[in-house]
Protein backbone atom coordinates (compact mmCIF):
# COMPACT_ATOMS: atom_id res chain seq x y z
CA MET A 1 44.91 63.18 138.33
CA PRO A 2 42.76 60.24 139.49
CA GLU A 3 39.01 60.69 139.42
CA ALA A 4 37.18 60.81 142.75
CA THR A 5 35.13 57.71 143.46
CA GLU A 6 31.88 57.64 145.37
CA THR A 7 31.69 55.60 148.55
CA PRO A 8 29.59 52.52 147.75
CA GLU A 9 26.26 52.19 149.53
CA PRO A 10 26.14 49.44 152.18
CA GLU A 11 24.76 46.18 150.82
CA GLY A 12 21.02 45.92 151.38
CA GLN A 13 20.53 49.56 152.39
CA VAL A 14 16.93 50.71 152.07
CA ALA A 15 16.37 53.64 149.72
CA ASP A 16 14.88 56.10 152.22
CA ALA A 17 17.07 55.15 155.20
CA VAL A 18 19.13 57.78 156.95
CA LYS A 19 22.56 57.77 155.31
CA GLY A 20 25.31 56.38 157.52
CA ASN A 21 22.80 55.05 160.05
CA TRP A 22 23.98 52.66 162.76
CA VAL A 23 22.21 49.65 161.26
CA ASP A 24 24.14 49.89 157.99
CA THR A 25 27.46 50.76 159.62
CA GLU A 26 27.61 49.25 163.13
CA ALA A 27 25.08 46.44 163.58
CA PRO A 28 26.24 42.83 163.12
CA GLU A 29 25.69 41.89 159.50
CA TRP A 30 23.27 39.03 160.24
CA THR A 31 20.95 41.37 162.18
CA ARG A 32 20.74 44.09 159.54
CA PRO A 33 17.87 42.69 157.42
CA TYR A 34 15.71 42.30 160.54
CA LEU A 35 16.58 45.72 161.91
CA ARG A 36 15.78 47.21 158.51
CA LEU A 37 12.47 45.36 158.60
CA SER A 38 11.79 47.09 161.94
CA ARG A 39 12.80 50.47 160.44
CA ALA A 40 15.63 50.81 162.97
CA ASP A 41 17.53 52.59 160.21
CA ARG A 42 14.68 55.13 159.97
CA PRO A 43 14.13 56.18 163.59
CA VAL A 44 11.66 59.04 163.08
CA GLY A 45 8.74 56.60 163.04
CA THR A 46 9.62 55.40 166.54
CA TRP A 47 9.64 59.00 167.70
CA LEU A 48 6.23 59.62 166.13
CA LEU A 49 4.84 56.60 167.97
CA LEU A 50 6.48 57.58 171.26
CA LEU A 51 5.61 61.29 171.29
CA PRO A 52 1.87 60.88 172.00
CA CYS A 53 2.87 58.65 174.93
CA LEU A 54 5.07 61.45 176.24
CA TRP A 55 2.25 63.95 175.73
CA GLY A 56 -0.10 61.74 177.74
CA VAL A 57 2.13 61.02 180.72
CA SER A 58 3.58 64.54 180.98
CA LEU A 59 0.19 66.27 180.77
CA ALA A 60 -1.25 63.81 183.30
CA ALA A 61 1.67 64.49 185.64
CA ALA A 62 1.21 68.24 185.23
CA SER A 63 -2.47 67.81 186.08
CA THR A 64 -2.33 65.48 189.08
CA GLY A 65 1.27 65.64 190.22
CA PHE A 66 4.50 63.86 189.35
CA ARG A 67 5.00 60.31 190.61
CA TRP A 68 8.21 58.32 190.49
CA VAL A 69 6.45 55.62 188.50
CA ASP A 70 6.18 58.17 185.68
CA LEU A 71 9.87 57.64 184.98
CA TRP A 72 9.19 53.97 184.29
CA ILE A 73 6.14 54.85 182.21
CA VAL A 74 8.39 57.02 180.02
CA ALA A 75 11.08 54.32 179.79
CA GLY A 76 8.56 51.55 179.22
CA CYS A 77 6.81 53.52 176.51
CA GLY A 78 10.17 54.21 174.88
CA ILE A 79 11.13 50.55 174.75
CA GLY A 80 7.60 49.55 173.82
CA ALA A 81 7.43 52.13 171.02
CA TRP A 82 10.64 50.77 169.49
CA LEU A 83 9.36 47.20 169.70
CA MET A 84 5.79 47.84 168.56
CA ARG A 85 6.85 50.14 165.77
CA GLY A 86 9.15 47.34 164.65
CA ALA A 87 6.40 44.73 164.92
CA GLY A 88 3.94 46.98 163.13
CA CYS A 89 6.36 47.75 160.32
CA THR A 90 7.15 44.05 159.95
CA TRP A 91 3.43 43.31 159.67
CA ASN A 92 3.05 46.16 157.19
CA ASP A 93 5.88 44.81 155.03
CA ILE A 94 4.46 41.28 155.13
CA THR A 95 1.07 42.45 153.92
CA ASP A 96 2.54 44.91 151.40
CA ARG A 97 5.29 42.70 150.00
CA ASN A 98 3.80 42.63 146.50
CA ILE A 99 2.93 46.33 146.47
CA ASP A 100 6.37 47.36 147.78
CA GLY A 101 8.03 45.60 144.88
CA GLU A 102 6.20 47.93 142.47
CA VAL A 103 7.16 51.21 144.16
CA ALA A 104 10.59 52.75 143.55
CA ARG A 105 11.10 53.93 147.14
CA THR A 106 10.08 50.63 148.76
CA ARG A 107 11.33 47.87 146.47
CA SER A 108 14.65 47.85 148.39
CA ARG A 109 12.90 46.85 151.64
CA PRO A 110 14.01 43.50 153.10
CA ILE A 111 11.10 41.31 151.95
CA PRO A 112 10.68 42.44 148.31
CA SER A 113 14.47 42.61 147.91
CA GLY A 114 14.84 39.04 149.19
CA GLN A 115 16.83 39.81 152.35
CA VAL A 116 14.19 38.25 154.65
CA SER A 117 11.70 35.48 153.90
CA VAL A 118 8.05 35.83 154.91
CA PRO A 119 8.22 33.00 157.53
CA HIS A 120 11.26 34.61 159.15
CA ALA A 121 9.52 37.99 159.09
CA VAL A 122 6.50 36.50 160.87
CA LEU A 123 8.76 35.01 163.54
CA TRP A 124 10.52 38.35 164.00
CA MET A 125 7.16 40.10 164.35
CA VAL A 126 6.05 37.65 167.04
CA ILE A 127 9.29 38.06 169.01
CA GLN A 128 8.98 41.85 169.01
CA SER A 129 5.29 41.70 169.97
CA LEU A 130 5.92 39.36 172.91
CA LEU A 131 8.72 41.56 174.25
CA ALA A 132 6.46 44.60 173.98
CA PHE A 133 3.68 42.71 175.79
CA ALA A 134 6.09 41.92 178.62
CA ILE A 135 6.73 45.66 179.00
CA LEU A 136 2.99 46.37 178.95
CA LEU A 137 2.41 43.93 181.80
CA THR A 138 4.43 46.18 184.13
CA PHE A 139 1.74 48.91 183.86
CA ASN A 140 -1.54 49.05 185.78
CA THR A 141 -4.47 46.87 184.73
CA ALA A 142 -6.39 49.62 182.95
CA ALA A 143 -3.33 50.50 180.87
CA ILE A 144 -2.73 46.84 180.02
CA TRP A 145 -6.24 46.51 178.60
CA MET A 146 -5.78 49.81 176.80
CA GLY A 147 -2.66 48.44 175.14
CA ILE A 148 -4.35 45.20 174.13
CA ALA A 149 -7.22 47.18 172.59
CA SER A 150 -4.83 48.87 170.17
CA LEU A 151 -3.89 45.64 168.41
CA GLY A 152 -6.91 45.67 166.11
CA LEU A 153 -5.94 49.09 164.76
CA VAL A 154 -2.37 47.91 164.15
CA ALA A 155 -3.66 44.88 162.26
CA ILE A 156 -6.07 46.85 160.06
CA TYR A 157 -3.83 49.76 159.05
CA PRO A 158 -1.82 48.08 156.23
CA PHE A 159 -5.06 47.23 154.41
CA ALA A 160 -6.61 50.70 154.66
CA LYS A 161 -4.95 52.07 151.53
CA ARG A 162 -6.66 49.33 149.54
CA PHE A 163 -10.21 50.52 150.33
CA THR A 164 -10.03 54.22 151.34
CA TYR A 165 -8.28 57.44 150.38
CA TRP A 166 -7.91 58.07 154.13
CA PRO A 167 -5.36 55.45 155.30
CA GLN A 168 -3.69 58.27 157.25
CA VAL A 169 -6.71 58.28 159.58
CA PHE A 170 -6.12 54.61 160.39
CA LEU A 171 -2.43 55.33 160.96
CA GLY A 172 -3.40 58.16 163.29
CA LEU A 173 -5.79 55.93 165.23
CA ALA A 174 -2.98 53.42 165.81
CA PHE A 175 0.01 55.74 166.23
CA ASN A 176 -1.56 58.07 168.80
CA TRP A 177 -3.05 55.40 171.06
CA GLY A 178 -0.13 55.98 173.40
CA ALA A 179 -1.67 59.26 174.54
CA LEU A 180 -4.57 57.26 176.01
CA LEU A 181 -2.35 54.48 177.34
CA ALA A 182 0.24 56.68 179.04
CA TRP A 183 -2.39 58.93 180.63
CA THR A 184 -4.13 55.81 181.96
CA ALA A 185 -0.83 54.35 183.16
CA HIS A 186 -0.34 57.48 185.28
CA THR A 187 -3.90 58.07 186.54
CA GLY A 188 -5.41 54.57 186.50
CA SER A 189 -8.32 55.67 184.34
CA LEU A 190 -9.03 57.43 181.06
CA GLY A 191 -9.78 61.16 181.09
CA TRP A 192 -11.18 63.64 178.58
CA PRO A 193 -7.88 65.54 178.23
CA ALA A 194 -6.27 62.30 177.03
CA VAL A 195 -9.04 61.76 174.48
CA LEU A 196 -8.58 65.31 173.18
CA LEU A 197 -4.81 64.75 172.95
CA TYR A 198 -5.50 61.55 171.03
CA LEU A 199 -7.76 63.33 168.54
CA SER A 200 -5.19 66.13 168.19
CA GLY A 201 -2.56 63.52 167.40
CA ILE A 202 -4.76 61.97 164.71
CA ALA A 203 -5.08 65.35 162.98
CA TRP A 204 -1.30 65.78 163.28
CA THR A 205 -0.70 62.34 161.78
CA ILE A 206 -2.87 63.19 158.78
CA PHE A 207 -0.76 66.35 158.42
CA TYR A 208 2.66 64.70 158.46
CA ASP A 209 1.78 61.45 156.73
CA THR A 210 0.13 63.25 153.83
CA ILE A 211 3.44 65.05 153.32
CA TYR A 212 5.19 61.66 153.47
CA ALA A 213 2.73 60.09 151.01
CA HIS A 214 3.51 62.69 148.35
CA GLN A 215 6.79 60.84 147.77
CA ASP A 216 4.91 57.85 146.32
CA LYS A 217 1.86 59.43 144.71
CA GLU A 218 2.81 58.62 141.11
CA ASP A 219 3.54 54.96 141.86
CA ASP A 220 0.47 54.74 144.10
CA ALA A 221 -1.77 56.06 141.32
CA LEU A 222 -0.38 53.51 138.86
CA ILE A 223 -0.88 50.49 141.11
CA GLY A 224 -4.21 51.61 142.60
CA VAL A 225 -3.09 52.40 146.16
CA LYS A 226 -4.99 55.25 147.82
CA SER A 227 -3.78 58.09 150.08
CA THR A 228 -4.69 61.58 151.21
CA ALA A 229 -1.85 62.84 149.01
CA LEU A 230 -3.77 61.63 145.96
CA LEU A 231 -7.10 62.78 147.40
CA PHE A 232 -5.96 66.31 148.22
CA GLY A 233 -3.78 66.77 145.14
CA ALA A 234 -3.24 70.44 144.33
CA GLN A 235 -5.30 71.40 147.40
CA THR A 236 -2.84 69.74 149.79
CA ARG A 237 -1.55 72.94 151.35
CA GLN A 238 -5.04 74.24 152.11
CA ARG A 239 -6.28 70.91 153.47
CA LEU A 240 -3.22 70.46 155.67
CA GLY A 241 -3.78 73.97 157.00
CA GLN A 242 -7.19 72.80 158.18
CA PHE A 243 -5.76 69.76 159.94
CA LEU A 244 -3.09 71.97 161.51
CA ALA A 245 -5.84 74.15 162.99
CA VAL A 246 -7.75 71.12 164.27
CA ALA A 247 -4.64 69.63 165.88
CA VAL A 248 -3.79 72.87 167.66
CA ALA A 249 -7.40 73.51 168.77
CA LEU A 250 -7.82 70.02 170.22
CA MET A 251 -4.47 70.12 172.00
CA SER A 252 -5.41 73.51 173.45
CA LEU A 253 -8.64 72.06 174.84
CA ALA A 254 -6.71 69.12 176.29
CA VAL A 255 -4.27 71.41 178.08
CA LEU A 256 -6.98 73.71 179.40
CA GLY A 257 -9.09 70.76 180.51
CA ALA A 258 -6.17 69.20 182.36
CA LEU A 259 -4.49 72.24 183.87
CA VAL A 260 -7.08 74.96 184.48
CA HIS A 261 -7.99 74.69 188.15
CA PRO A 262 -7.64 77.03 191.16
CA ALA A 263 -3.94 76.30 191.66
CA GLY A 264 -3.08 75.59 188.05
CA SER A 265 -3.28 78.85 186.12
CA VAL A 266 0.52 79.11 185.74
CA ALA A 267 0.77 75.48 184.65
CA ALA A 268 -1.97 76.05 182.06
CA PHE A 269 -0.13 79.08 180.69
CA VAL A 270 3.11 77.11 180.38
CA GLY A 271 1.30 74.20 178.74
CA MET A 272 -0.34 76.53 176.23
CA LEU A 273 3.09 77.86 175.26
CA GLY A 274 3.89 74.33 174.15
CA VAL A 275 0.75 74.24 172.02
CA VAL A 276 1.67 77.56 170.42
CA GLY A 277 5.19 76.32 169.67
CA PHE A 278 3.75 73.13 168.17
CA GLY A 279 1.44 75.14 165.93
CA ILE A 280 4.24 77.46 164.80
CA HIS A 281 6.40 74.50 163.83
CA LEU A 282 3.60 72.97 161.74
CA LEU A 283 2.98 76.34 160.10
CA TRP A 284 6.70 76.57 159.29
CA GLN A 285 6.47 73.18 157.61
CA LEU A 286 3.46 74.27 155.61
CA THR A 287 5.22 77.37 154.28
CA ARG A 288 8.08 75.21 153.00
CA LEU A 289 6.00 72.41 151.53
CA ASP A 290 6.69 71.51 147.90
CA THR A 291 4.68 68.41 147.09
CA GLU A 292 6.65 67.84 143.88
CA ASP A 293 9.99 67.59 145.71
CA SER A 294 10.26 64.13 147.27
CA ASP A 295 13.45 64.90 149.21
CA ALA A 296 11.88 68.03 150.68
CA CYS A 297 8.76 66.06 151.67
CA LEU A 298 10.91 63.48 153.45
CA GLY A 299 12.81 66.22 155.26
CA LEU A 300 9.60 67.90 156.45
CA PHE A 301 8.17 64.56 157.54
CA ARG A 302 11.26 63.90 159.67
CA ALA A 303 11.00 67.40 161.16
CA ASN A 304 7.83 66.33 162.96
CA ARG A 305 9.94 64.70 165.64
CA ASP A 306 10.95 68.19 166.73
CA ALA A 307 7.39 69.48 166.37
CA GLY A 308 6.10 66.79 168.71
CA LEU A 309 8.86 67.36 171.26
CA ILE A 310 7.83 70.99 171.77
CA PRO A 311 4.64 70.17 173.75
CA VAL A 312 6.54 67.54 175.74
CA LEU A 313 9.07 70.15 176.85
CA PHE A 314 6.42 72.60 178.01
CA PHE A 315 4.22 69.96 179.64
CA VAL A 316 7.26 68.91 181.69
CA LEU A 317 7.86 72.55 182.61
CA ALA A 318 4.19 72.76 183.62
CA ILE A 319 4.84 69.98 186.17
CA LEU A 320 7.30 72.32 187.86
CA ALA A 321 5.06 75.39 187.63
């Protein structure tokens, strides 16, 4: 009886990519290294960049009323999140090309594995950034300046792990900027509920990216790269519980600040249901966290797409309340 043979992995596949993803199976072969560089084969990061945008525009719409332009804000943020996540990841891989070659999970990425040269990666980053800027220009002036202001955070993040054990804070500052931008795109100005949403998102990012960082903690310790996973160590569960509480408390204040007004008590109640659901999902993750199981950490990290969608659903329902 012939022995069963395993299906070979697609050439160039990145180690932590979703198995059978469209990049490795459907995309034209010449585009695959560049799409891998943009993490198109690992879509959860795009979701995590987009979700604060959806929080911002949906809560703003629930507060001041839905406008048809909100549909374009959602679409524009979706396209922009894909492009800017790709540009940011390309920049990250350019700056980390030597570090990535020393880490088991990342040495298969396009630059350290030789699939893409640094000059070509720079060109790809510029193309993505310019396309994203074209999308940004369709928003109001205040939102355009808000988007431009985020570029410094994007540029700094890859270097944070070299000088602080809190690179997750810098990731949170960059990844949740969309809450400010999308709120401003709807209202024309920045409001306190958007700031509170932004701060909630930063606490959430520390929560999920610490879980993610536990995959690399041994390699990181050897090569001198810092993270909250290394900082928290055996106290990770307790520390993440604190950030969970902060994220939920700040989101609660954002919802109450945006939706509690004479005609908005029902909307506020519906919005708070989303906050409760968000908190329950994070608590569920915490109860299943095993920091010594890399596959489990990756699975919980990916589950944060669903966690972030819960407030979006209820904020949209609050628009109808």
